[in-house]
Each structure stands twice: as structure tokens, then as C-alpha cells.
């Protein structure tokens, strides 16, 4: 079985360290034989979640497209920037909209049975690890099994600029671990 993985970063900033880190994790997943769909959340513009907006206008078309992508993949590979020791508003809003009921289908359907791996990158000394804990909690609540292997790349401004950095290998290994977990349990 070829594992199918949906990959995206919780940042749309040009030059995002997390987007760069994700590229290494995606390469690892592909080396392990996974088929990876890499998307940019800029292509799925969503309003800030608001129950009144949902009631009056329904689930936005971009969220419906994301729901279909989630459902057509067995795994999620997420690069999760850390803002003030937590998850970014962009990533949280995306996960929230995808979790909304649509056309009588539970909002958990896009998440059920999924496996996920998390990476983060930061110029700081902790590499975004504090935010990964929150992402893990959210995904677990949505019934996603987040694999233990994760990677927080500290001093990403220097590490990502050095192609010889041995720390980049940990990002690729996280992508590989997700592909192997899907093959084993997916």
C-alpha cells in the first residue's frame, strides 16, 4: 500500500522557516514511498471561524475543498509555527473549519482514522516545541493519532541555511516515520 499524506504549514509567510522545514519532512516521506500532496493554505482562504457566519452562509467553499482533501489522505504532515508558545491562528482556524458538520456529515469524518506527524521550526532555542503540544492535543480531540516522532528545529535561521546540517535529517526522519506508520497501521 502506498501511504497518501496531506502536508501543509501553519504559516503562509514568505520565507517561513516552517514551510522550509516541511519540505525536508515531505522529502523524507516521499523517500519512504509515500504519495504526498503538498498544499499552501493561501490557496484556501477562510474567514475567522464564527458560528453566526456558519449559520448564515454555511461552511465556506475553501473549507469544503479542504475537507475533501483530508478525507482522501491517510495521513497529515504538519509544520506548526509557534506563536506565543501556542498554535498559530491560521492553523487553528483551518482545523476548526475542517471540523464543521457539512451536508449531514459529522465534522470528525475528515479526521477519523488519520495518522499525523508534526514538525516545527523556530529561530529560538526550543524550535517550536511548546506549540506542538497544543497541536497534538487538538488533533487527538479530533480523533487523529499523532505519532510520537516529532521534530522541533531550533535555530532554524542557521540550520536551514546550512545544507550540511545534521539536524535537517530529523525532519526527514519524521516524514519517513509517518509513512511507515501509515503502512503499518493505516
Protein backbone atom coordinates (compact mmCIF):
# COMPACT_ATOMS: atom_id res chain seq x y z
CA UNK A 1 0.00 0.00 0.00
CA UNK A 2 1.27 3.47 -0.88
CA UNK A 3 0.64 5.86 2.04
CA UNK A 4 -1.18 9.04 1.00
CA UNK A 5 -0.18 12.09 3.04
CA UNK A 6 -1.54 15.64 3.02
CA UNK A 7 1.14 18.15 4.03
CA UNK A 8 0.88 21.84 4.88
CA UNK A 9 2.41 24.53 7.06
CA UNK A 10 0.51 26.65 9.55
CA UNK A 11 2.23 29.73 8.16
CA UNK A 12 1.89 31.47 4.82
CA UNK A 13 4.73 33.93 5.42
CA UNK A 14 7.20 34.24 2.55
CA UNK A 15 10.40 32.54 3.64
CA UNK A 16 8.66 30.75 6.52
CA UNK A 17 11.07 28.52 8.45
CA UNK A 18 8.21 26.08 8.97
CA UNK A 19 7.46 25.84 5.26
CA UNK A 20 11.16 25.16 4.63
CA UNK A 21 11.23 22.55 7.40
CA UNK A 22 8.14 20.93 5.89
CA UNK A 23 9.97 20.48 2.59
CA UNK A 24 12.55 18.29 4.38
CA UNK A 25 9.84 16.24 6.11
CA UNK A 26 7.97 15.81 2.82
CA UNK A 27 11.18 14.62 1.15
CA UNK A 28 11.59 12.02 3.89
CA UNK A 29 8.00 10.80 3.44
CA UNK A 30 8.50 10.53 -0.31
CA UNK A 31 11.79 8.66 0.15
CA UNK A 32 9.84 6.18 2.29
CA UNK A 33 7.46 5.60 -0.62
CA UNK A 34 4.58 7.91 0.32
CA UNK A 35 2.50 9.89 -2.13
CA UNK A 36 2.46 13.41 -0.67
CA UNK A 37 0.11 16.23 -1.60
CA UNK A 38 1.74 19.49 -0.51
CA UNK A 39 -0.64 22.44 -0.26
CA UNK A 40 -0.34 26.10 0.66
CA UNK A 41 -3.07 27.44 2.94
CA UNK A 42 -3.00 30.70 0.96
CA UNK A 43 -4.97 28.75 -1.65
CA UNK A 44 -7.73 28.05 0.91
CA UNK A 45 -8.63 31.46 2.26
CA UNK A 46 -11.03 31.11 5.17
CA UNK A 47 -12.75 33.72 7.34
CA UNK A 48 -12.14 33.56 11.07
CA UNK A 49 -14.48 30.86 12.38
CA UNK A 50 -17.74 32.31 13.70
CA UNK A 51 -20.85 30.25 14.42
CA UNK A 52 -23.14 33.06 13.24
CA UNK A 53 -21.27 33.24 9.93
CA UNK A 54 -21.53 29.49 9.53
CA UNK A 55 -25.27 29.58 10.29
CA UNK A 56 -25.96 32.38 7.80
CA UNK A 57 -23.59 31.34 4.98
CA UNK A 58 -22.72 27.70 5.65
CA UNK A 59 -19.28 26.14 5.51
CA UNK A 60 -17.05 28.14 3.13
CA UNK A 61 -16.20 26.52 -0.20
CA UNK A 62 -12.48 26.52 0.69
CA UNK A 63 -13.23 24.51 3.85
CA UNK A 64 -15.30 22.03 1.82
CA UNK A 65 -12.36 21.56 -0.57
CA UNK A 66 -10.02 21.04 2.39
CA UNK A 67 -12.42 18.51 3.93
CA UNK A 68 -12.31 16.50 0.70
CA UNK A 69 -8.51 16.62 0.67
CA UNK A 70 -8.35 15.46 4.29
CA UNK A 71 -10.73 12.58 3.55
CA UNK A 72 -8.72 11.42 0.53
CA UNK A 73 -5.48 11.05 2.51
CA UNK A 74 -4.50 8.64 5.27
CA UNK A 75 -2.07 10.97 7.00
CA UNK A 76 -1.34 14.57 7.83
CA UNK A 77 2.16 16.03 7.91
CA UNK A 78 2.00 19.44 9.55
CA UNK A 79 4.62 22.13 10.08
CA UNK A 80 3.41 24.07 13.08
CA UNK A 81 4.82 27.51 13.82
CA UNK A 82 4.71 28.61 17.43
CA UNK A 83 3.16 31.97 18.31
CA UNK A 84 3.48 32.92 21.98
CA UNK A 85 4.02 29.28 22.98
CA UNK A 86 0.94 28.02 21.14
CA UNK A 87 -0.64 27.22 17.77
CA UNK A 88 -0.95 29.86 15.04
CA UNK A 89 -4.37 31.38 14.38
CA UNK A 90 -4.14 30.22 10.75
CA UNK A 91 -3.61 26.58 11.68
CA UNK A 92 -6.28 26.61 14.40
CA UNK A 93 -8.82 28.27 12.12
CA UNK A 94 -8.11 25.73 9.37
CA UNK A 95 -8.55 22.78 11.73
CA UNK A 96 -11.75 24.33 13.12
CA UNK A 97 -13.39 24.90 9.73
CA UNK A 98 -12.50 21.39 8.52
CA UNK A 99 -14.13 20.01 11.69
CA UNK A 100 -17.54 21.55 10.96
CA UNK A 101 -20.52 19.38 10.04
CA UNK A 102 -21.38 19.67 6.35
CA UNK A 103 -24.26 18.18 4.36
CA UNK A 104 -25.21 15.99 7.32
CA UNK A 105 -21.70 14.56 7.66
CA UNK A 106 -20.00 14.78 11.05
CA UNK A 107 -17.09 17.18 11.24
CA UNK A 108 -14.97 14.34 12.61
CA UNK A 109 -15.14 12.37 9.35
CA UNK A 110 -12.16 14.19 7.76
CA UNK A 111 -10.07 13.33 10.83
CA UNK A 112 -11.18 9.84 11.88
CA UNK A 113 -8.59 7.13 11.35
CA UNK A 114 -5.87 9.59 10.33
CA UNK A 115 -2.30 9.42 11.48
CA UNK A 116 -0.29 12.64 11.77
CA UNK A 117 3.27 13.79 12.29
CA UNK A 118 4.31 17.22 13.49
CA UNK A 119 7.36 19.35 12.84
CA UNK A 120 8.18 22.90 13.87
CA UNK A 121 10.98 25.35 13.27
CA UNK A 122 11.97 28.47 15.14
CA UNK A 123 14.93 30.80 15.36
CA UNK A 124 14.76 30.30 19.14
CA UNK A 125 16.32 27.61 21.28
CA UNK A 126 13.22 25.40 21.63
CA UNK A 127 12.39 25.01 17.95
CA UNK A 128 8.65 25.49 18.39
CA UNK A 129 8.20 22.52 20.73
CA UNK A 130 5.82 24.33 23.10
CA UNK A 131 3.29 24.87 20.31
CA UNK A 132 3.47 21.25 19.16
CA UNK A 133 1.93 20.13 22.45
CA UNK A 134 -1.19 22.20 21.70
CA UNK A 135 -1.47 20.93 18.13
CA UNK A 136 -1.15 17.35 19.40
CA UNK A 137 -3.99 17.96 21.91
CA UNK A 138 -6.29 19.44 19.26
CA UNK A 139 -5.67 16.63 16.77
CA UNK A 140 -6.17 13.99 19.46
CA UNK A 141 -9.53 15.57 20.34
CA UNK A 142 -10.44 15.31 16.64
CA UNK A 143 -9.62 11.56 16.78
CA UNK A 144 -6.29 11.77 14.92
CA UNK A 145 -3.49 9.50 16.11
CA UNK A 146 -0.38 11.69 16.29
CA UNK A 147 2.75 9.57 16.11
CA UNK A 148 5.33 10.05 18.87
CA UNK A 149 8.10 11.01 16.42
CA UNK A 150 8.19 14.79 16.00
CA UNK A 151 10.86 17.38 15.36
CA UNK A 152 11.39 20.90 16.62
CA UNK A 153 14.20 22.57 14.71
CA UNK A 154 15.87 25.15 16.96
CA UNK A 155 17.94 28.00 15.48
CA UNK A 156 16.18 27.33 12.18
CA UNK A 157 17.55 30.52 10.65
CA UNK A 158 21.03 28.96 10.78
CA UNK A 159 20.16 25.27 10.39
CA UNK A 160 18.03 25.69 7.26
CA UNK A 161 20.72 27.83 5.64
CA UNK A 162 23.30 25.05 6.10
CA UNK A 163 22.68 22.12 3.69
CA UNK A 164 25.25 20.09 5.63
CA UNK A 165 23.32 20.45 8.91
CA UNK A 166 22.78 17.07 10.52
CA UNK A 167 19.68 18.45 12.29
CA UNK A 168 17.78 18.54 8.98
CA UNK A 169 17.91 14.75 8.95
CA UNK A 170 15.47 14.71 11.90
CA UNK A 171 12.85 16.46 9.77
CA UNK A 172 13.18 13.87 7.02
CA UNK A 173 13.05 11.06 9.58
CA UNK A 174 9.75 12.43 10.89
CA UNK A 175 8.24 12.26 7.40
CA UNK A 176 9.63 8.74 6.98
CA UNK A 177 8.18 7.68 10.33
CA UNK A 178 4.71 8.87 9.29
CA UNK A 179 4.87 6.95 6.00
CA UNK A 180 5.97 3.82 7.85
CA UNK A 181 3.24 4.22 10.50
CA UNK A 182 0.56 4.54 7.82
CA UNK A 183 1.88 1.47 6.06
CA UNK A 184 1.78 -0.45 9.35
CA UNK A 185 -1.47 0.85 10.89
CA UNK A 186 -3.25 2.96 8.29
